[in-house]
Amino acid sequence: MLTSKREWFFAVLEQLKPRAKTLAEFVELGRFFSPIAIEYDQAAVAKHLKADGMRDHLAALDAALAGLASFEPPVSEAALRAVAESRGIKAGALIHAMRVALTGRTVSPGLFEVAALLGKK
């Protein structure tokens, strides 16, 4: 668990480093870490969030994640995979939907690391 804003900031930078090569790319790729409203890619929303039954699948995932004692990436990933299995869907479908819900995009740093940095709330 990160104990200071400084630690959180450096953890965010570590997640962005593999994908961002310029300062502008760090800003653009890390926009969803900002308190400013997320800009959603409408094609991503249509494909991943508006898929048949996804609202219910995400509600089940939300309930599972809310009940976790730890929100570390391996724990939240295991919870997502358990929800996908219990609902008879591919984990990838739920992963893509969660990524779009959290970041507004289909591409981001590691989803479960992003979720941990954004926080359970």
N, C-alpha and C. Protein backbone atom coordinates (compact mmCIF):
# COMPACT_ATOMS: atom_id res chain seq x y z
N MET A 1 0.84 -1.19 0.00
CA MET A 1 0.00 0.00 0.00
C MET A 1 0.88 1.24 0.00
N LEU A 2 0.50 2.21 -0.81
CA LEU A 2 1.26 3.45 -0.90
C LEU A 2 0.86 4.37 0.24
N THR A 3 1.87 4.93 0.88
CA THR A 3 1.60 5.71 2.10
C THR A 3 1.65 7.21 1.90
N SER A 4 2.13 7.68 0.76
CA SER A 4 2.19 9.12 0.55
C SER A 4 1.83 9.46 -0.89
N LYS A 5 1.50 10.72 -1.12
CA LYS A 5 1.19 11.18 -2.47
C LYS A 5 2.41 11.04 -3.37
N ARG A 6 3.58 11.26 -2.80
CA ARG A 6 4.82 11.14 -3.56
C ARG A 6 5.01 9.70 -4.04
N GLU A 7 4.81 8.73 -3.16
CA GLU A 7 4.92 7.32 -3.55
C GLU A 7 3.89 6.98 -4.63
N TRP A 8 2.67 7.48 -4.47
CA TRP A 8 1.62 7.24 -5.45
C TRP A 8 2.03 7.80 -6.80
N PHE A 9 2.53 9.05 -6.82
CA PHE A 9 2.93 9.70 -8.05
C PHE A 9 4.01 8.90 -8.77
N PHE A 10 5.02 8.45 -8.04
CA PHE A 10 6.09 7.68 -8.66
C PHE A 10 5.61 6.31 -9.12
N ALA A 11 4.66 5.74 -8.44
CA ALA A 11 4.08 4.47 -8.88
C ALA A 11 3.31 4.67 -10.20
N VAL A 12 2.60 5.79 -10.32
CA VAL A 12 1.90 6.12 -11.57
C VAL A 12 2.92 6.27 -12.70
N LEU A 13 3.99 7.00 -12.45
CA LEU A 13 5.01 7.18 -13.48
C LEU A 13 5.60 5.85 -13.93
N GLU A 14 5.82 4.94 -13.00
CA GLU A 14 6.35 3.61 -13.34
C GLU A 14 5.40 2.86 -14.27
N GLN A 15 4.11 3.02 -14.05
CA GLN A 15 3.13 2.36 -14.91
C GLN A 15 3.10 2.97 -16.32
N LEU A 16 3.36 4.26 -16.42
CA LEU A 16 3.30 4.95 -17.70
C LEU A 16 4.59 4.85 -18.51
N LYS A 17 5.72 4.65 -17.84
CA LYS A 17 7.01 4.66 -18.53
C LYS A 17 7.11 3.71 -19.73
N PRO A 18 6.58 2.49 -19.67
CA PRO A 18 6.73 1.62 -20.84
C PRO A 18 5.99 2.11 -22.09
N ARG A 19 5.01 2.97 -21.91
CA ARG A 19 4.19 3.41 -23.05
C ARG A 19 4.43 4.85 -23.46
N ALA A 20 4.91 5.68 -22.57
CA ALA A 20 5.09 7.10 -22.85
C ALA A 20 6.56 7.41 -23.09
N LYS A 21 6.81 8.11 -24.18
CA LYS A 21 8.18 8.46 -24.53
C LYS A 21 8.45 9.96 -24.37
N THR A 22 7.39 10.76 -24.39
CA THR A 22 7.55 12.20 -24.23
C THR A 22 6.68 12.67 -23.06
N LEU A 23 6.94 13.87 -22.60
CA LEU A 23 6.14 14.43 -21.51
C LEU A 23 4.68 14.54 -21.92
N ALA A 24 4.44 14.94 -23.16
CA ALA A 24 3.05 15.05 -23.65
C ALA A 24 2.36 13.69 -23.61
N GLU A 25 3.08 12.62 -23.94
CA GLU A 25 2.49 11.28 -23.88
C GLU A 25 2.21 10.87 -22.43
N PHE A 26 3.06 11.25 -21.49
CA PHE A 26 2.79 10.96 -20.08
C PHE A 26 1.48 11.62 -19.67
N VAL A 27 1.30 12.86 -20.07
CA VAL A 27 0.08 13.59 -19.71
C VAL A 27 -1.14 12.93 -20.35
N GLU A 28 -1.04 12.64 -21.65
CA GLU A 28 -2.18 12.05 -22.36
C GLU A 28 -2.51 10.66 -21.84
N LEU A 29 -1.50 9.81 -21.69
CA LEU A 29 -1.73 8.42 -21.26
C LEU A 29 -2.16 8.33 -19.79
N GLY A 30 -1.77 9.31 -19.00
CA GLY A 30 -2.10 9.27 -17.58
C GLY A 30 -3.28 10.13 -17.18
N ARG A 31 -4.00 10.64 -18.17
CA ARG A 31 -5.11 11.54 -17.90
C ARG A 31 -6.13 10.95 -16.92
N PHE A 32 -6.36 9.65 -17.00
CA PHE A 32 -7.39 9.04 -16.14
C PHE A 32 -6.98 8.99 -14.68
N PHE A 33 -5.72 9.28 -14.37
CA PHE A 33 -5.29 9.36 -12.97
C PHE A 33 -5.62 10.73 -12.37
N SER A 34 -6.04 11.66 -13.20
CA SER A 34 -6.32 13.02 -12.78
C SER A 34 -7.75 13.14 -12.27
N PRO A 35 -8.01 14.10 -11.39
CA PRO A 35 -9.39 14.31 -10.93
C PRO A 35 -10.29 14.93 -12.00
N ILE A 36 -9.70 15.32 -13.12
CA ILE A 36 -10.48 15.86 -14.24
C ILE A 36 -11.29 14.71 -14.84
N ALA A 37 -12.47 15.00 -15.31
CA ALA A 37 -13.35 13.97 -15.86
C ALA A 37 -12.67 13.18 -16.97
N ILE A 38 -12.91 11.89 -16.98
CA ILE A 38 -12.35 11.00 -17.99
C ILE A 38 -13.05 11.25 -19.33
N GLU A 39 -12.26 11.26 -20.40
CA GLU A 39 -12.82 11.35 -21.74
C GLU A 39 -12.93 9.92 -22.27
N TYR A 40 -14.13 9.50 -22.60
CA TYR A 40 -14.36 8.13 -23.05
C TYR A 40 -14.30 8.03 -24.57
N ASP A 41 -13.58 7.04 -25.05
CA ASP A 41 -13.55 6.70 -26.46
C ASP A 41 -14.90 6.02 -26.75
N GLN A 42 -15.72 6.67 -27.54
CA GLN A 42 -17.08 6.18 -27.77
C GLN A 42 -17.10 4.82 -28.48
N ALA A 43 -16.12 4.56 -29.33
CA ALA A 43 -16.05 3.24 -29.98
C ALA A 43 -15.75 2.17 -28.93
N ALA A 44 -14.89 2.49 -27.98
CA ALA A 44 -14.56 1.54 -26.90
C ALA A 44 -15.78 1.30 -26.01
N VAL A 45 -16.51 2.36 -25.72
CA VAL A 45 -17.73 2.22 -24.91
C VAL A 45 -18.73 1.32 -25.62
N ALA A 46 -18.94 1.58 -26.90
CA ALA A 46 -19.91 0.79 -27.67
C ALA A 46 -19.50 -0.68 -27.72
N LYS A 47 -18.23 -0.94 -27.91
CA LYS A 47 -17.76 -2.32 -28.06
C LYS A 47 -17.70 -3.07 -26.74
N HIS A 48 -17.22 -2.42 -25.69
CA HIS A 48 -16.94 -3.15 -24.44
C HIS A 48 -17.94 -2.90 -23.31
N LEU A 49 -18.48 -1.71 -23.21
CA LEU A 49 -19.39 -1.42 -22.10
C LEU A 49 -20.85 -1.67 -22.45
N LYS A 50 -21.17 -1.53 -23.72
CA LYS A 50 -22.57 -1.71 -24.13
C LYS A 50 -22.84 -3.11 -24.68
N ALA A 51 -21.89 -4.01 -24.50
CA ALA A 51 -22.08 -5.40 -24.94
C ALA A 51 -23.24 -6.01 -24.14
N ASP A 52 -23.93 -6.94 -24.74
CA ASP A 52 -25.06 -7.60 -24.08
C ASP A 52 -24.68 -8.14 -22.71
N GLY A 53 -25.45 -7.75 -21.70
CA GLY A 53 -25.25 -8.26 -20.36
C GLY A 53 -24.10 -7.64 -19.58
N MET A 54 -23.32 -6.75 -20.20
CA MET A 54 -22.13 -6.23 -19.53
C MET A 54 -22.48 -5.41 -18.29
N ARG A 55 -23.58 -4.70 -18.31
CA ARG A 55 -23.97 -3.91 -17.13
C ARG A 55 -24.09 -4.83 -15.91
N ASP A 56 -24.74 -5.97 -16.08
CA ASP A 56 -24.91 -6.92 -14.97
C ASP A 56 -23.58 -7.56 -14.58
N HIS A 57 -22.75 -7.85 -15.58
CA HIS A 57 -21.44 -8.44 -15.28
C HIS A 57 -20.58 -7.46 -14.48
N LEU A 58 -20.62 -6.19 -14.88
CA LEU A 58 -19.84 -5.18 -14.15
C LEU A 58 -20.39 -4.94 -12.75
N ALA A 59 -21.69 -5.04 -12.59
CA ALA A 59 -22.29 -4.90 -11.25
C ALA A 59 -21.82 -6.04 -10.35
N ALA A 60 -21.76 -7.25 -10.90
CA ALA A 60 -21.26 -8.39 -10.13
C ALA A 60 -19.78 -8.21 -9.79
N LEU A 61 -19.01 -7.68 -10.74
CA LEU A 61 -17.60 -7.41 -10.47
C LEU A 61 -17.45 -6.35 -9.39
N ASP A 62 -18.25 -5.30 -9.48
CA ASP A 62 -18.21 -4.24 -8.48
C ASP A 62 -18.46 -4.80 -7.08
N ALA A 63 -19.45 -5.65 -6.96
CA ALA A 63 -19.76 -6.26 -5.66
C ALA A 63 -18.60 -7.12 -5.18
N ALA A 64 -18.00 -7.88 -6.07
CA ALA A 64 -16.88 -8.74 -5.68
C ALA A 64 -15.68 -7.90 -5.24
N LEU A 65 -15.37 -6.83 -5.99
CA LEU A 65 -14.23 -5.98 -5.65
C LEU A 65 -14.47 -5.23 -4.35
N ALA A 66 -15.70 -4.80 -4.12
CA ALA A 66 -16.02 -4.07 -2.89
C ALA A 66 -15.80 -4.93 -1.65
N GLY A 67 -15.95 -6.23 -1.79
CA GLY A 67 -15.78 -7.13 -0.65
C GLY A 67 -14.36 -7.56 -0.38
N LEU A 68 -13.40 -7.11 -1.18
CA LEU A 68 -12.02 -7.52 -0.99
C LEU A 68 -11.37 -6.80 0.19
N ALA A 69 -10.63 -7.54 0.98
CA ALA A 69 -9.88 -6.94 2.09
C ALA A 69 -8.65 -6.21 1.56
N SER A 70 -8.07 -6.74 0.50
CA SER A 70 -6.89 -6.14 -0.13
C SER A 70 -7.25 -5.80 -1.57
N PHE A 71 -6.72 -4.69 -2.07
CA PHE A 71 -6.99 -4.30 -3.44
C PHE A 71 -5.72 -4.36 -4.28
N GLU A 72 -4.78 -5.19 -3.85
CA GLU A 72 -3.53 -5.37 -4.59
C GLU A 72 -3.85 -6.06 -5.92
N PRO A 73 -3.06 -5.80 -6.96
CA PRO A 73 -3.35 -6.35 -8.29
C PRO A 73 -3.64 -7.86 -8.35
N PRO A 74 -2.84 -8.72 -7.71
CA PRO A 74 -3.16 -10.15 -7.83
C PRO A 74 -4.52 -10.52 -7.21
N VAL A 75 -4.90 -9.81 -6.18
CA VAL A 75 -6.16 -10.09 -5.50
C VAL A 75 -7.34 -9.64 -6.35
N SER A 76 -7.25 -8.43 -6.90
CA SER A 76 -8.36 -7.93 -7.73
C SER A 76 -8.45 -8.72 -9.05
N GLU A 77 -7.31 -9.14 -9.58
CA GLU A 77 -7.35 -9.96 -10.80
C GLU A 77 -8.02 -11.30 -10.54
N ALA A 78 -7.68 -11.92 -9.41
CA ALA A 78 -8.30 -13.21 -9.07
C ALA A 78 -9.81 -13.04 -8.90
N ALA A 79 -10.22 -11.94 -8.29
CA ALA A 79 -11.65 -11.68 -8.11
C ALA A 79 -12.34 -11.52 -9.45
N LEU A 80 -11.74 -10.77 -10.36
CA LEU A 80 -12.33 -10.58 -11.68
C LEU A 80 -12.46 -11.92 -12.40
N ARG A 81 -11.41 -12.72 -12.36
CA ARG A 81 -11.45 -14.01 -13.05
C ARG A 81 -12.51 -14.93 -12.45
N ALA A 82 -12.68 -14.87 -11.14
CA ALA A 82 -13.71 -15.68 -10.47
C ALA A 82 -15.10 -15.23 -10.90
N VAL A 83 -15.31 -13.92 -11.00
CA VAL A 83 -16.61 -13.40 -11.44
C VAL A 83 -16.88 -13.84 -12.87
N ALA A 84 -15.88 -13.70 -13.74
CA ALA A 84 -16.06 -14.11 -15.14
C ALA A 84 -16.42 -15.58 -15.23
N GLU A 85 -15.71 -16.41 -14.49
CA GLU A 85 -15.98 -17.85 -14.52
C GLU A 85 -17.39 -18.15 -14.00
N SER A 86 -17.76 -17.51 -12.91
CA SER A 86 -19.07 -17.78 -12.31
C SER A 86 -20.22 -17.32 -13.22
N ARG A 87 -19.94 -16.34 -14.08
CA ARG A 87 -20.98 -15.80 -14.96
C ARG A 87 -20.90 -16.40 -16.36
N GLY A 88 -19.94 -17.29 -16.57
CA GLY A 88 -19.83 -17.97 -17.85
C GLY A 88 -19.37 -17.10 -19.00
N ILE A 89 -18.54 -16.10 -18.70
CA ILE A 89 -18.00 -15.25 -19.76
C ILE A 89 -16.47 -15.32 -19.72
N LYS A 90 -15.86 -14.90 -20.79
CA LYS A 90 -14.40 -14.87 -20.85
C LYS A 90 -13.89 -13.73 -19.97
N ALA A 91 -12.81 -13.99 -19.25
CA ALA A 91 -12.22 -12.96 -18.40
C ALA A 91 -11.83 -11.74 -19.23
N GLY A 92 -11.38 -11.97 -20.46
CA GLY A 92 -10.98 -10.86 -21.32
C GLY A 92 -12.08 -9.86 -21.57
N ALA A 93 -13.30 -10.34 -21.71
CA ALA A 93 -14.43 -9.43 -21.94
C ALA A 93 -14.62 -8.51 -20.74
N LEU A 94 -14.50 -9.07 -19.55
CA LEU A 94 -14.65 -8.28 -18.33
C LEU A 94 -13.44 -7.36 -18.12
N ILE A 95 -12.26 -7.85 -18.47
CA ILE A 95 -11.04 -7.02 -18.36
C ILE A 95 -11.16 -5.80 -19.28
N HIS A 96 -11.57 -6.02 -20.53
CA HIS A 96 -11.69 -4.90 -21.46
C HIS A 96 -12.75 -3.90 -20.98
N ALA A 97 -13.86 -4.40 -20.49
CA ALA A 97 -14.91 -3.50 -20.01
C ALA A 97 -14.43 -2.71 -18.79
N MET A 98 -13.74 -3.37 -17.88
CA MET A 98 -13.23 -2.68 -16.70
C MET A 98 -12.21 -1.62 -17.11
N ARG A 99 -11.35 -1.94 -18.07
CA ARG A 99 -10.34 -0.97 -18.53
C ARG A 99 -11.03 0.27 -19.11
N VAL A 100 -12.04 0.08 -19.95
CA VAL A 100 -12.74 1.21 -20.54
C VAL A 100 -13.46 2.00 -19.45
N ALA A 101 -14.07 1.30 -18.51
CA ALA A 101 -14.78 1.99 -17.42
C ALA A 101 -13.83 2.86 -16.59
N LEU A 102 -12.62 2.35 -16.33
CA LEU A 102 -11.68 3.08 -15.48
C LEU A 102 -10.89 4.14 -16.22
N THR A 103 -10.54 3.87 -17.48
CA THR A 103 -9.62 4.77 -18.18
C THR A 103 -10.25 5.49 -19.36
N GLY A 104 -11.37 4.99 -19.85
CA GLY A 104 -12.00 5.57 -21.03
C GLY A 104 -11.41 5.08 -22.33
N ARG A 105 -10.43 4.16 -22.25
CA ARG A 105 -9.71 3.69 -23.42
C ARG A 105 -9.60 2.18 -23.46
N THR A 106 -9.15 1.70 -24.60
CA THR A 106 -8.91 0.26 -24.73
C THR A 106 -7.47 -0.11 -24.42
N VAL A 107 -6.60 0.88 -24.26
CA VAL A 107 -5.18 0.63 -23.97
C VAL A 107 -4.79 1.44 -22.75
N SER A 108 -4.07 0.81 -21.84
CA SER A 108 -3.59 1.49 -20.65
C SER A 108 -2.43 0.68 -20.07
N PRO A 109 -1.78 1.23 -19.06
CA PRO A 109 -0.84 0.38 -18.32
C PRO A 109 -1.61 -0.80 -17.73
N GLY A 110 -0.95 -1.69 -17.04
CA GLY A 110 -1.59 -2.87 -16.46
C GLY A 110 -2.88 -2.52 -15.74
N LEU A 111 -3.96 -3.17 -16.12
CA LEU A 111 -5.28 -2.83 -15.59
C LEU A 111 -5.35 -2.92 -14.07
N PHE A 112 -4.85 -3.98 -13.51
CA PHE A 112 -5.00 -4.18 -12.07
C PHE A 112 -4.07 -3.25 -11.28
N GLU A 113 -2.95 -2.87 -11.89
CA GLU A 113 -2.07 -1.87 -11.28
C GLU A 113 -2.74 -0.49 -11.33
N VAL A 114 -3.39 -0.19 -12.45
CA VAL A 114 -4.14 1.07 -12.57
C VAL A 114 -5.25 1.11 -11.54
N ALA A 115 -5.99 0.02 -11.41
CA ALA A 115 -7.09 -0.04 -10.44
C ALA A 115 -6.57 0.19 -9.02
N ALA A 116 -5.43 -0.42 -8.69
CA ALA A 116 -4.86 -0.25 -7.35
C ALA A 116 -4.47 1.21 -7.12
N LEU A 117 -3.88 1.84 -8.14
CA LEU A 117 -3.47 3.23 -8.00
C LEU A 117 -4.67 4.17 -7.93
N LEU A 118 -5.72 3.86 -8.66
CA LEU A 118 -6.93 4.70 -8.59
C LEU A 118 -7.64 4.52 -7.26
N GLY A 119 -7.53 3.33 -6.68
CA GLY A 119 -8.14 3.06 -5.38
C GLY A 119 -9.48 2.37 -5.51
N LYS A 120 -9.86 1.70 -4.46
CA LYS A 120 -11.09 0.89 -4.48
C LYS A 120 -12.34 1.75 -4.68
N LYS A 121 -12.40 2.92 -4.09
CA LYS A 121 -13.59 3.77 -4.21
C LYS A 121 -13.82 4.15 -5.64
